[in-house]
Structure formats: C-alpha cells, structure tokens
C-alpha atoms as a PDB file:
ATOM      1  CA  UNK A   1      15.830 -21.546  -6.119  1.00  0.00           C
ATOM      2  CA  UNK A   2      14.644 -18.058  -6.989  1.00  0.00           C
ATOM      3  CA  UNK A   3      16.633 -14.893  -7.430  1.00  0.00           C
ATOM      4  CA  UNK A   4      14.983 -11.944  -5.691  1.00  0.00           C
ATOM      5  CA  UNK A   5      15.508  -8.573  -7.281  1.00  0.00           C
ATOM      6  CA  UNK A   6      16.829  -6.066  -4.725  1.00  0.00           C
ATOM      7  CA  UNK A   7      14.798  -3.328  -6.404  1.00  0.00           C
ATOM      8  CA  UNK A   8      11.435  -5.050  -5.914  1.00  0.00           C
ATOM      9  CA  UNK A   9      10.546  -2.843  -2.932  1.00  0.00           C
ATOM     10  CA  UNK A  10      11.832   0.451  -1.540  1.00  0.00           C
ATOM     11  CA  UNK A  11      14.351   0.149   1.283  1.00  0.00           C
ATOM     12  CA  UNK A  12      12.938  -2.468   3.656  1.00  0.00           C
ATOM     13  CA  UNK A  13      14.663  -3.055   6.973  1.00  0.00           C
ATOM     14  CA  UNK A  14      15.200  -6.507   8.446  1.00  0.00           C
ATOM     15  CA  UNK A  15      13.644  -7.774  11.629  1.00  0.00           C
ATOM     16  CA  UNK A  16      14.942 -11.002  13.165  1.00  0.00           C
ATOM     17  CA  UNK A  17      12.482 -13.507  14.674  1.00  0.00           C
ATOM     18  CA  UNK A  18      13.174 -15.739  17.678  1.00  0.00           C
ATOM     19  CA  UNK A  19      13.996 -18.647  15.344  1.00  0.00           C
ATOM     20  CA  UNK A  20      16.393 -16.560  13.269  1.00  0.00           C
ATOM     21  CA  UNK A  21      14.191 -15.753  10.286  1.00  0.00           C
ATOM     22  CA  UNK A  22      14.680 -12.323   8.699  1.00  0.00           C
ATOM     23  CA  UNK A  23      11.456 -10.458   7.971  1.00  0.00           C
ATOM     24  CA  UNK A  24      11.356  -7.564   5.502  1.00  0.00           C
ATOM     25  CA  UNK A  25       9.596  -4.682   7.262  1.00  0.00           C
ATOM     26  CA  UNK A  26       8.708  -1.276   5.875  1.00  0.00           C
ATOM     27  CA  UNK A  27       7.576   1.794   7.834  1.00  0.00           C
ATOM     28  CA  UNK A  28       5.168   4.432   6.553  1.00  0.00           C
ATOM     29  CA  UNK A  29       5.159   7.697   8.468  1.00  0.00           C
ATOM     30  CA  UNK A  30       7.428   8.742  11.325  1.00  0.00           C
ATOM     31  CA  UNK A  31       7.344   8.129  15.034  1.00  0.00           C
ATOM     32  CA  UNK A  32       6.101   5.107  16.964  1.00  0.00           C
ATOM     33  CA  UNK A  33       4.163   2.782  14.653  1.00  0.00           C
ATOM     34  CA  UNK A  34       0.517   2.587  15.669  1.00  0.00           C
ATOM     35  CA  UNK A  35      -0.661   0.119  13.014  1.00  0.00           C
ATOM     36  CA  UNK A  36       0.727  -3.193  11.756  1.00  0.00           C
ATOM     37  CA  UNK A  37      -0.541  -4.657   8.475  1.00  0.00           C
ATOM     38  CA  UNK A  38      -0.507  -8.442   7.952  1.00  0.00           C
ATOM     39  CA  UNK A  39      -1.099  -9.614   4.376  1.00  0.00           C
ATOM     40  CA  UNK A  40      -2.867 -12.697   3.047  1.00  0.00           C
ATOM     41  CA  UNK A  41      -1.376 -15.954   1.842  1.00  0.00           C
ATOM     42  CA  UNK A  42       0.517 -15.508  -1.418  1.00  0.00           C
ATOM     43  CA  UNK A  43       0.646 -11.716  -1.065  1.00  0.00           C
ATOM     44  CA  UNK A  44       3.433  -9.378   0.028  1.00  0.00           C
ATOM     45  CA  UNK A  45       3.503  -6.164   1.990  1.00  0.00           C
ATOM     46  CA  UNK A  46       2.892  -4.328  -1.299  1.00  0.00           C
ATOM     47  CA  UNK A  47      -0.793  -5.255  -0.894  1.00  0.00           C
ATOM     48  CA  UNK A  48      -1.012  -2.565   1.800  1.00  0.00           C
ATOM     49  CA  UNK A  49       0.796   0.326   0.123  1.00  0.00           C
ATOM     50  CA  UNK A  50      -2.356   2.372  -0.564  1.00  0.00           C
ATOM     51  CA  UNK A  51      -3.860   1.966   2.907  1.00  0.00           C
ATOM     52  CA  UNK A  52      -0.519   2.352   4.690  1.00  0.00           C
ATOM     53  CA  UNK A  53       0.108   5.591   2.788  1.00  0.00           C
ATOM     54  CA  UNK A  54      -3.377   6.887   3.637  1.00  0.00           C
ATOM     55  CA  UNK A  55      -2.929   6.015   7.322  1.00  0.00           C
ATOM     56  CA  UNK A  56       0.456   7.760   7.423  1.00  0.00           C
ATOM     57  CA  UNK A  57      -1.092  10.859   5.846  1.00  0.00           C
ATOM     58  CA  UNK A  58      -3.660  10.821   8.670  1.00  0.00           C
ATOM     59  CA  UNK A  59      -0.923  10.694  11.300  1.00  0.00           C
ATOM     60  CA  UNK A  60      -0.836   6.941  11.902  1.00  0.00           C
ATOM     61  CA  UNK A  61       2.713   5.693  11.471  1.00  0.00           C
ATOM     62  CA  UNK A  62       2.579   2.035  10.501  1.00  0.00           C
ATOM     63  CA  UNK A  63       4.496  -1.083   9.572  1.00  0.00           C
ATOM     64  CA  UNK A  64       3.959  -3.494   6.703  1.00  0.00           C
ATOM     65  CA  UNK A  65       5.930  -6.716   6.422  1.00  0.00           C
ATOM     66  CA  UNK A  66       6.417  -9.804   4.293  1.00  0.00           C
ATOM     67  CA  UNK A  67       5.496 -12.981   6.154  1.00  0.00           C
ATOM     68  CA  UNK A  68       8.124 -15.716   6.094  1.00  0.00           C
ATOM     69  CA  UNK A  69       8.149 -17.537   2.788  1.00  0.00           C
ATOM     70  CA  UNK A  70       6.801 -14.431   1.066  1.00  0.00           C
ATOM     71  CA  UNK A  71       8.431 -11.555  -0.777  1.00  0.00           C
ATOM     72  CA  UNK A  72      11.768 -10.421   0.584  1.00  0.00           C
ATOM     73  CA  UNK A  73      11.462 -12.165   3.943  1.00  0.00           C
ATOM     74  CA  UNK A  74      13.462 -15.365   4.403  1.00  0.00           C
ATOM     75  CA  UNK A  75      12.213 -18.555   2.793  1.00  0.00           C
ATOM     76  CA  UNK A  76      12.868 -21.649   4.925  1.00  0.00           C
ATOM     77  CA  UNK A  77      15.619 -23.871   3.549  1.00  0.00           C
ATOM     78  CA  UNK A  78      13.785 -26.877   4.988  1.00  0.00           C
ATOM     79  CA  UNK A  79      10.416 -25.892   3.508  1.00  0.00           C
ATOM     80  CA  UNK A  80       8.912 -26.943   6.848  1.00  0.00           C
ATOM     81  CA  UNK A  81       6.344 -24.183   7.354  1.00  0.00           C
ATOM     82  CA  UNK A  82       3.657 -24.094  10.053  1.00  0.00           C
ATOM     83  CA  UNK A  83       0.797 -21.787  11.024  1.00  0.00           C
ATOM     84  CA  UNK A  84       2.313 -21.193  14.463  1.00  0.00           C
ATOM     85  CA  UNK A  85       5.375 -19.681  12.780  1.00  0.00           C
ATOM     86  CA  UNK A  86       3.174 -17.123  11.019  1.00  0.00           C
ATOM     87  CA  UNK A  87       1.531 -16.208  14.325  1.00  0.00           C
ATOM     88  CA  UNK A  88       4.949 -15.798  15.916  1.00  0.00           C
ATOM     89  CA  UNK A  89       6.033 -13.532  13.055  1.00  0.00           C
ATOM     90  CA  UNK A  90       3.071 -11.226  13.679  1.00  0.00           C
ATOM     91  CA  UNK A  91       3.871 -11.125  17.385  1.00  0.00           C
ATOM     92  CA  UNK A  92       7.460 -10.218  16.554  1.00  0.00           C
ATOM     93  CA  UNK A  93       6.470  -7.319  14.295  1.00  0.00           C
ATOM     94  CA  UNK A  94       3.916  -6.026  16.818  1.00  0.00           C
ATOM     95  CA  UNK A  95       6.498  -6.175  19.612  1.00  0.00           C
ATOM     96  CA  UNK A  96       8.940  -4.200  17.467  1.00  0.00           C
ATOM     97  CA  UNK A  97       6.418  -1.347  17.267  1.00  0.00           C
ATOM     98  CA  UNK A  98       7.140  -0.516  20.920  1.00  0.00           C
ATOM     99  CA  UNK A  99       3.479  -0.167  21.897  1.00  0.00           C
ATOM    100  CA  UNK A 100       0.521  -2.483  21.225  1.00  0.00           C
ATOM    101  CA  UNK A 101      -0.536  -1.545  17.677  1.00  0.00           C
ATOM    102  CA  UNK A 102      -3.769  -1.798  15.760  1.00  0.00           C
ATOM    103  CA  UNK A 103      -3.480  -4.958  13.666  1.00  0.00           C
ATOM    104  CA  UNK A 104      -5.030  -4.964  10.191  1.00  0.00           C
ATOM    105  CA  UNK A 105      -5.031  -8.505   8.821  1.00  0.00           C
ATOM    106  CA  UNK A 106      -6.358  -9.830   5.530  1.00  0.00           C
ATOM    107  CA  UNK A 107      -7.258 -13.494   5.079  1.00  0.00           C
ATOM    108  CA  UNK A 108      -4.244 -15.413   6.481  1.00  0.00           C
ATOM    109  CA  UNK A 109      -3.070 -12.239   8.219  1.00  0.00           C
ATOM    110  CA  UNK A 110      -6.491 -11.872   9.827  1.00  0.00           C
ATOM    111  CA  UNK A 111      -6.473 -15.460  11.084  1.00  0.00           C
ATOM    112  CA  UNK A 112      -3.124 -15.037  12.822  1.00  0.00           C
ATOM    113  CA  UNK A 113      -4.471 -11.738  14.188  1.00  0.00           C
ATOM    114  CA  UNK A 114      -7.438 -13.570  15.716  1.00  0.00           C
ATOM    115  CA  UNK A 115      -5.123 -16.169  17.228  1.00  0.00           C
ATOM    116  CA  UNK A 116      -2.829 -13.501  18.692  1.00  0.00           C
ATOM    117  CA  UNK A 117      -5.564 -11.226  20.054  1.00  0.00           C
ATOM    118  CA  UNK A 118      -7.387 -14.208  21.555  1.00  0.00           C
ATOM    119  CA  UNK A 119      -4.257 -15.492  23.266  1.00  0.00           C
ATOM    120  CA  UNK A 120      -2.920 -12.181  24.589  1.00  0.00           C
ATOM    121  CA  UNK A 121      -5.167  -9.175  25.189  1.00  0.00           C
ATOM    122  CA  UNK A 122      -2.088  -6.944  25.518  1.00  0.00           C
ATOM    123  CA  UNK A 123      -0.609  -7.866  22.142  1.00  0.00           C
ATOM    124  CA  UNK A 124      -2.605  -5.317  20.139  1.00  0.00           C
ATOM    125  CA  UNK A 125      -4.689  -2.204  20.679  1.00  0.00           C
ATOM    126  CA  UNK A 126      -7.422  -3.104  18.186  1.00  0.00           C
ATOM    127  CA  UNK A 127      -8.083  -5.531  15.364  1.00  0.00           C
ATOM    128  CA  UNK A 128      -9.293  -5.078  11.784  1.00  0.00           C
ATOM    129  CA  UNK A 129     -10.142  -8.300   9.946  1.00  0.00           C
ATOM    130  CA  UNK A 130     -10.362  -8.140   6.170  1.00  0.00           C
ATOM    131  CA  UNK A 131     -12.783 -10.658   4.673  1.00  0.00           C
ATOM    132  CA  UNK A 132     -11.991 -13.479   7.066  1.00  0.00           C
ATOM    133  CA  UNK A 133     -13.786 -15.181   9.941  1.00  0.00           C
ATOM    134  CA  UNK A 134     -12.705 -18.121  12.125  1.00  0.00           C
ATOM    135  CA  UNK A 135     -14.963 -20.386  10.069  1.00  0.00           C
ATOM    136  CA  UNK A 136     -14.786 -19.846   6.314  1.00  0.00           C
ATOM    137  CA  UNK A 137     -16.577 -21.114   3.232  1.00  0.00           C
ATOM    138  CA  UNK A 138     -14.687 -24.177   1.894  1.00  0.00           C
ATOM    139  CA  UNK A 139     -15.671 -23.582  -1.744  1.00  0.00           C
ATOM    140  CA  UNK A 140     -14.238 -20.063  -1.705  1.00  0.00           C
ATOM    141  CA  UNK A 141     -10.980 -21.183  -0.126  1.00  0.00           C
ATOM    142  CA  UNK A 142     -10.674 -24.065  -2.593  1.00  0.00           C
ATOM    143  CA  UNK A 143     -11.053 -21.619  -5.495  1.00  0.00           C
ATOM    144  CA  UNK A 144      -8.113 -19.627  -4.107  1.00  0.00           C
ATOM    145  CA  UNK A 145      -6.020 -22.761  -3.622  1.00  0.00           C
ATOM    146  CA  UNK A 146      -6.713 -23.891  -7.184  1.00  0.00           C
ATOM    147  CA  UNK A 147      -5.379 -20.586  -8.496  1.00  0.00           C
ATOM    148  CA  UNK A 148      -2.307 -20.808  -6.271  1.00  0.00           C
ATOM    149  CA  UNK A 149      -1.603 -24.377  -7.387  1.00  0.00           C
ATOM    150  CA  UNK A 150      -1.883 -23.394 -11.030  1.00  0.00           C
ATOM    151  CA  UNK A 151       1.074 -22.322 -13.191  1.00  0.00           C
ATOM    152  CA  UNK A 152       3.814 -24.285 -11.379  1.00  0.00           C
ATOM    153  CA  UNK A 153       6.072 -23.638 -14.370  1.00  0.00           C
ATOM    154  CA  UNK A 154       5.620 -19.897 -13.952  1.00  0.00           C
ATOM    155  CA  UNK A 155       5.162 -17.373 -16.720  1.00  0.00           C
ATOM    156  CA  UNK A 156       7.185 -16.398 -19.750  1.00  0.00           C
ATOM    157  CA  UNK A 157       6.288 -12.710 -19.412  1.00  0.00           C
ATOM    158  CA  UNK A 158       4.485 -10.111 -17.318  1.00  0.00           C
ATOM    159  CA  UNK A 159       1.679 -10.104 -19.881  1.00  0.00           C
ATOM    160  CA  UNK A 160       1.129 -13.813 -19.379  1.00  0.00           C
ATOM    161  CA  UNK A 161       0.976 -13.352 -15.593  1.00  0.00           C
ATOM    162  CA  UNK A 162      -1.395 -10.392 -15.988  1.00  0.00           C
ATOM    163  CA  UNK A 163      -3.736 -12.539 -18.077  1.00  0.00           C
ATOM    164  CA  UNK A 164      -3.768 -15.240 -15.384  1.00  0.00           C
ATOM    165  CA  UNK A 165      -4.749 -12.667 -12.751  1.00  0.00           C
ATOM    166  CA  UNK A 166      -7.409 -11.132 -15.014  1.00  0.00           C
ATOM    167  CA  UNK A 167      -8.955 -14.568 -15.529  1.00  0.00           C
ATOM    168  CA  UNK A 168      -8.935 -15.217 -11.785  1.00  0.00           C
ATOM    169  CA  UNK A 169     -10.330 -11.761 -10.917  1.00  0.00           C
ATOM    170  CA  UNK A 170     -12.722 -10.973 -13.783  1.00  0.00           C
ATOM    171  CA  UNK A 171     -14.639  -8.402 -11.715  1.00  0.00           C
ATOM    172  CA  UNK A 172     -11.678  -6.010 -11.759  1.00  0.00           C
ATOM    173  CA  UNK A 173     -11.916  -3.556 -14.598  1.00  0.00           C
ATOM    174  CA  UNK A 174      -8.208  -2.872 -15.028  1.00  0.00           C
ATOM    175  CA  UNK A 175      -5.038  -4.942 -15.000  1.00  0.00           C
ATOM    176  CA  UNK A 176      -2.129  -4.304 -12.669  1.00  0.00           C
ATOM    177  CA  UNK A 177       0.550  -2.057 -14.100  1.00  0.00           C
ATOM    178  CA  UNK A 178       3.843  -3.755 -15.002  1.00  0.00           C
ATOM    179  CA  UNK A 179       5.500  -2.056 -12.019  1.00  0.00           C
ATOM    180  CA  UNK A 180       2.948  -3.355  -9.515  1.00  0.00           C
ATOM    181  CA  UNK A 181       2.853  -6.777 -11.108  1.00  0.00           C
ATOM    182  CA  UNK A 182       6.636  -7.079 -11.000  1.00  0.00           C
ATOM    183  CA  UNK A 183       6.478  -6.910  -7.177  1.00  0.00           C
ATOM    184  CA  UNK A 184       4.390 -10.086  -7.146  1.00  0.00           C
ATOM    185  CA  UNK A 185       6.903 -12.104  -9.163  1.00  0.00           C
ATOM    186  CA  UNK A 186      10.488 -13.304  -8.967  1.00  0.00           C
ATOM    187  CA  UNK A 187      12.710 -14.537 -11.765  1.00  0.00           C
ATOM    188  CA  UNK A 188      13.820 -18.152 -11.415  1.00  0.00           C
ATOM    189  CA  UNK A 189      17.131 -19.529 -12.633  1.00  0.00           C
ATOM    190  CA  UNK A 190      15.388 -20.734 -15.809  1.00  0.00           C
ATOM    191  CA  UNK A 191      14.330 -17.160 -16.608  1.00  0.00           C
ATOM    192  CA  UNK A 192      10.641 -17.761 -15.917  1.00  0.00           C
ATOM    193  CA  UNK A 193       8.625 -15.573 -13.588  1.00  0.00           C
ATOM    194  CA  UNK A 194       7.032 -17.188 -10.556  1.00  0.00           C
ATOM    195  CA  UNK A 195       4.921 -15.863  -7.704  1.00  0.00           C
ATOM    196  CA  UNK A 196       6.803 -14.088  -4.920  1.00  0.00           C
ATOM    197  CA  UNK A 197       6.128 -16.773  -2.283  1.00  0.00           C
ATOM    198  CA  UNK A 198       7.523 -20.224  -1.521  1.00  0.00           C
ATOM    199  CA  UNK A 199       5.303 -22.857  -3.204  1.00  0.00           C
ATOM    200  CA  UNK A 200       6.411 -25.453  -0.649  1.00  0.00           C
ATOM    201  CA  UNK A 201       4.341 -23.765   2.033  1.00  0.00           C
ATOM    202  CA  UNK A 202       0.984 -24.023   0.251  1.00  0.00           C
ATOM    203  CA  UNK A 203      -0.136 -27.533   1.182  1.00  0.00           C
ATOM    204  CA  UNK A 204       1.156 -27.592   4.802  1.00  0.00           C
ATOM    205  CA  UNK A 205      -0.423 -24.241   5.638  1.00  0.00           C
ATOM    206  CA  UNK A 206      -3.701 -25.123   3.910  1.00  0.00           C
ATOM    207  CA  UNK A 207      -3.927 -28.377   5.837  1.00  0.00           C
ATOM    208  CA  UNK A 208      -2.960 -26.813   9.158  1.00  0.00           C
ATOM    209  CA  UNK A 209      -5.433 -23.971   8.656  1.00  0.00           C
ATOM    210  CA  UNK A 210      -8.332 -26.410   8.567  1.00  0.00           C
ATOM    211  CA  UNK A 211      -7.072 -28.158  11.707  1.00  0.00           C
ATOM    212  CA  UNK A 212      -6.791 -24.815  13.538  1.00  0.00           C
ATOM    213  CA  UNK A 213     -10.417 -23.822  12.904  1.00  0.00           C
ATOM    214  CA  UNK A 214     -11.692 -24.970  16.303  1.00  0.00           C
ATOM    215  CA  UNK A 215      -8.845 -23.086  18.024  1.00  0.00           C
ATOM    216  CA  UNK A 216      -9.681 -19.940  16.043  1.00  0.00           C
ATOM    217  CA  UNK A 217     -13.341 -20.109  17.049  1.00  0.00           C
ATOM    218  CA  UNK A 218     -12.278 -20.408  20.688  1.00  0.00           C
ATOM    219  CA  UNK A 219      -9.756 -17.567  20.300  1.00  0.00           C
ATOM    220  CA  UNK A 220     -12.451 -15.280  18.914  1.00  0.00           C
ATOM    221  CA  UNK A 221     -14.468 -15.600  22.127  1.00  0.00           C
ATOM    222  CA  UNK A 222     -11.476 -14.204  24.035  1.00  0.00           C
ATOM    223  CA  UNK A 223     -10.984 -11.083  21.896  1.00  0.00           C
ATOM    224  CA  UNK A 224     -11.482  -8.014  24.092  1.00  0.00           C
ATOM    225  CA  UNK A 225      -9.993  -5.233  21.965  1.00  0.00           C
ATOM    226  CA  UNK A 226     -12.069  -3.033  19.605  1.00  0.00           C
ATOM    227  CA  UNK A 227     -12.663  -5.051  16.457  1.00  0.00           C
ATOM    228  CA  UNK A 228     -13.828  -4.297  12.930  1.00  0.00           C
ATOM    229  CA  UNK A 229     -14.662  -6.882  10.284  1.00  0.00           C
ATOM    230  CA  UNK A 230     -14.596  -5.558   6.717  1.00  0.00           C
ATOM    231  CA  UNK A 231     -16.102  -7.940   4.180  1.00  0.00           C
ATOM    232  CA  UNK A 232     -16.550  -7.859   0.431  1.00  0.00           C
ATOM    233  CA  UNK A 233     -20.167  -8.040  -0.717  1.00  0.00           C
ATOM    234  CA  UNK A 234     -19.176 -10.459  -3.480  1.00  0.00           C
ATOM    235  CA  UNK A 235     -16.860 -12.600  -1.345  1.00  0.00           C
ATOM    236  CA  UNK A 236     -17.110 -16.374  -1.530  1.00  0.00           C
ATOM    237  CA  UNK A 237     -14.788 -16.871   1.465  1.00  0.00           C
ATOM    238  CA  UNK A 238     -17.071 -15.327   4.105  1.00  0.00           C
ATOM    239  CA  UNK A 239     -20.864 -15.446   4.061  1.00  0.00           C
ATOM    240  CA  UNK A 240     -23.835 -14.163   6.036  1.00  0.00           C
ATOM    241  CA  UNK A 241     -23.608 -17.348   8.106  1.00  0.00           C
ATOM    242  CA  UNK A 242     -19.907 -17.088   8.983  1.00  0.00           C
ATOM    243  CA  UNK A 243     -20.157 -13.334   9.583  1.00  0.00           C
ATOM    244  CA  UNK A 244     -23.133 -13.720  11.903  1.00  0.00           C
ATOM    245  CA  UNK A 245     -21.330 -16.459  13.810  1.00  0.00           C
ATOM    246  CA  UNK A 246     -18.303 -14.193  14.259  1.00  0.00           C
ATOM    247  CA  UNK A 247     -20.433 -11.277  15.461  1.00  0.00           C
ATOM    248  CA  UNK A 248     -22.012 -13.562  18.041  1.00  0.00           C
ATOM    249  CA  UNK A 249     -18.590 -14.745  19.194  1.00  0.00           C
ATOM    250  CA  UNK A 250     -17.281 -11.155  19.358  1.00  0.00           C
ATOM    251  CA  UNK A 251     -20.418  -9.139  20.232  1.00  0.00           C
ATOM    252  CA  UNK A 252     -18.569  -5.826  20.486  1.00  0.00           C
ATOM    253  CA  UNK A 253     -17.235  -6.140  16.919  1.00  0.00           C
ATOM    254  CA  UNK A 254     -18.374  -3.815  14.154  1.00  0.00           C
ATOM    255  CA  UNK A 255     -19.026  -4.924  10.597  1.00  0.00           C
ATOM    256  CA  UNK A 256     -18.620  -2.968   7.351  1.00  0.00           C
ATOM    257  CA  UNK A 257     -19.467  -4.255   3.877  1.00  0.00           C
ATOM    258  CA  UNK A 258     -17.666  -3.018   0.765  1.00  0.00           C
ATOM    259  CA  UNK A 259     -19.998  -3.211  -2.258  1.00  0.00           C
ATOM    260  CA  UNK A 260     -18.599  -4.785  -5.457  1.00  0.00           C
ATOM    261  CA  UNK A 261     -15.536  -6.124  -3.606  1.00  0.00           C
ATOM    262  CA  UNK A 262     -14.781  -9.838  -3.478  1.00  0.00           C
ATOM    263  CA  UNK A 263     -12.274 -11.519  -1.148  1.00  0.00           C
ATOM    264  CA  UNK A 264      -9.421  -9.182  -2.096  1.00  0.00           C
ATOM    265  CA  UNK A 265     -11.206  -6.191  -0.612  1.00  0.00           C
ATOM    266  CA  UNK A 266      -8.290  -3.757  -0.437  1.00  0.00           C
ATOM    267  CA  UNK A 267      -7.244  -4.496  -4.010  1.00  0.00           C
ATOM    268  CA  UNK A 268     -10.785  -4.480  -5.380  1.00  0.00           C
ATOM    269  CA  UNK A 269     -11.984  -1.222  -3.808  1.00  0.00           C
ATOM    270  CA  UNK A 270      -9.026   0.617  -2.281  1.00  0.00           C
ATOM    271  CA  UNK A 271     -10.768   3.932  -1.680  1.00  0.00           C
ATOM    272  CA  UNK A 272     -13.723   2.453   0.169  1.00  0.00           C
ATOM    273  CA  UNK A 273     -11.506   0.082   2.122  1.00  0.00           C
ATOM    274  CA  UNK A 274      -9.208   2.898   3.215  1.00  0.00           C
ATOM    275  CA  UNK A 275     -12.242   4.930   4.306  1.00  0.00           C
ATOM    276  CA  UNK A 276     -13.480   2.168   6.610  1.00  0.00           C
ATOM    277  CA  UNK A 277     -10.039   1.653   8.154  1.00  0.00           C
ATOM    278  CA  UNK A 278      -9.481   5.377   8.764  1.00  0.00           C
ATOM    279  CA  UNK A 279     -12.988   5.778  10.160  1.00  0.00           C
ATOM    280  CA  UNK A 280     -12.348   2.936  12.616  1.00  0.00           C
ATOM    281  CA  UNK A 281      -8.946   4.335  13.635  1.00  0.00           C
ATOM    282  CA  UNK A 282     -10.613   7.671  14.397  1.00  0.00           C
ATOM    283  CA  UNK A 283     -12.811   5.956  16.993  1.00  0.00           C
ATOM    284  CA  UNK A 284      -9.816   4.753  18.990  1.00  0.00           C
ATOM    285  CA  UNK A 285      -9.096   8.064  20.643  1.00  0.00           C
ATOM    286  CA  UNK A 286      -5.988   9.438  18.982  1.00  0.00           C
ATOM    287  CA  UNK A 287      -2.909   8.321  17.121  1.00  0.00           C
END
C-alpha cells in the first residue's frame, strides 16, 4: 500500500463516479469548462499543466483529472481494472463540465476519447488525439510496457528515478525538476519511491487494449465531431500507416506533426503542442 502525499498537487476537488470511485479533478480558469484533458497510462493530470494553463489564459476554462488507479484518484481495492471503467470515468468528467467539452486525450486518454465520441456524438464538442490511433505499432507499445514493468522495487531517491526517465527518454535535453518529478512518485511504506499509479492495472489494461482494437476502429468511423490528431515525428507508437488509416476512417480529421517529439508529445515539445491545440480551439467558433 502506498502513502499519497496530500501536497502532491494543488487543491483538487473530488468527483464521484457511478461505481463510487473518487476522481481527483482540477479546474484551470473560471466559468463553464470547455475542455477536458485525459492523460495517458501511467501519467497523472500534471502532464497537462502547461497546456491547461495556456488554454485558460486564452479564455478556455478546462478540467484535468487523474484516471482511476492513477495519482490522487482512488485505486481499486480489488485491483480489478478494466478499459470500460476508464471510458466511464471520462464520460463522468465530461458530464460534470455541464456542456459537451472538447476532449484532449493522449495515448490511453485518446483511446477512451475515440470510444466515447464514437458511441455518443453528443458526449463531446470536438476531439484532439495526441499520438494515438485506433491501430498502433506493437513494437512502440511494447517498449512503453517494458519501461512500466521495470523497477518494481521502486527507487531509493529522486535522482535514481530521474536517471531511469533520462534513459527511457534520451531525446529530451533536460531532466525533470525535483518538484515535477515528485508528482510522478509516491512513497511506499518501505520508504522507496514508486510511480504514482497502481501497478496491478498494467497487465489487465494492456491485454484488454489489444482486444478492444477492432471496436476502436469501428468507433472511429462513427466520429462526427471536429477532430485533430497531433503526432510526434519521432513516435514509434503511431506511423504513416496507422495515421493514414485513421484519416481514412475519419475523413474530416486534421493532422498536425510536431517535429522532434516522440510519443510523449506534450512533454517533449510543450510550446509547439500548445500552439496546435490553441489553433484548433480557435477554429471551433468561440469559447
């Protein structure tokens, strides 16, 4: 069992799901939220701080949240996680916004966004997918899973964790600051630092994700809202083949490429990523 530091994030509020799970939700800007950010597997809402701040400065109030099993949202006592639960969590956050929001989803967050938008055209106003398509490159996903399976004993220090990330993301020129890195980790009872997500969910979600691929391809054909796919030029999770397939399934979708970025587009090239998101929001006809 982990002990979560109450000072990890600034003042989140709790949102209760239909099955009684508490989600940590944070609002940027005032007024009715017009954007909801859904993070990738193994991340927390902190992944969106830069873009959420930029959107709020442009007049777009928005919500970020920790998916169940991540960050300060509830971790299931049973450890019995499923992809459908993650989709339901996104629906819950979007419904709490009061109006159909623009959904910005990275990786796992993008997949549940595809599923939601394909199932219910009224669930969101528009969709931004960050380096994810309904069919993905297995080698790239396996590389991510290998990193997530590594270090089950955690880390003795922030420096040790920073070195692990630097080895995994060698294209990034700078390491995360101790403050930012601390938000990705929790201190276990043995004093070691472990990632801020429930390790019990890794294998079930990875296995279910592969089984859901056919459903995601079908869902994509039903997306009717304005859609933007932002991909990293150096990504090994999406490719020219998977991107072209997606653009054929969703012919009204736009595509933007971020040079030098890999799969973690927002973290690799925040300024360029924010530019593409804000440019897309400006096409939607007002906040």
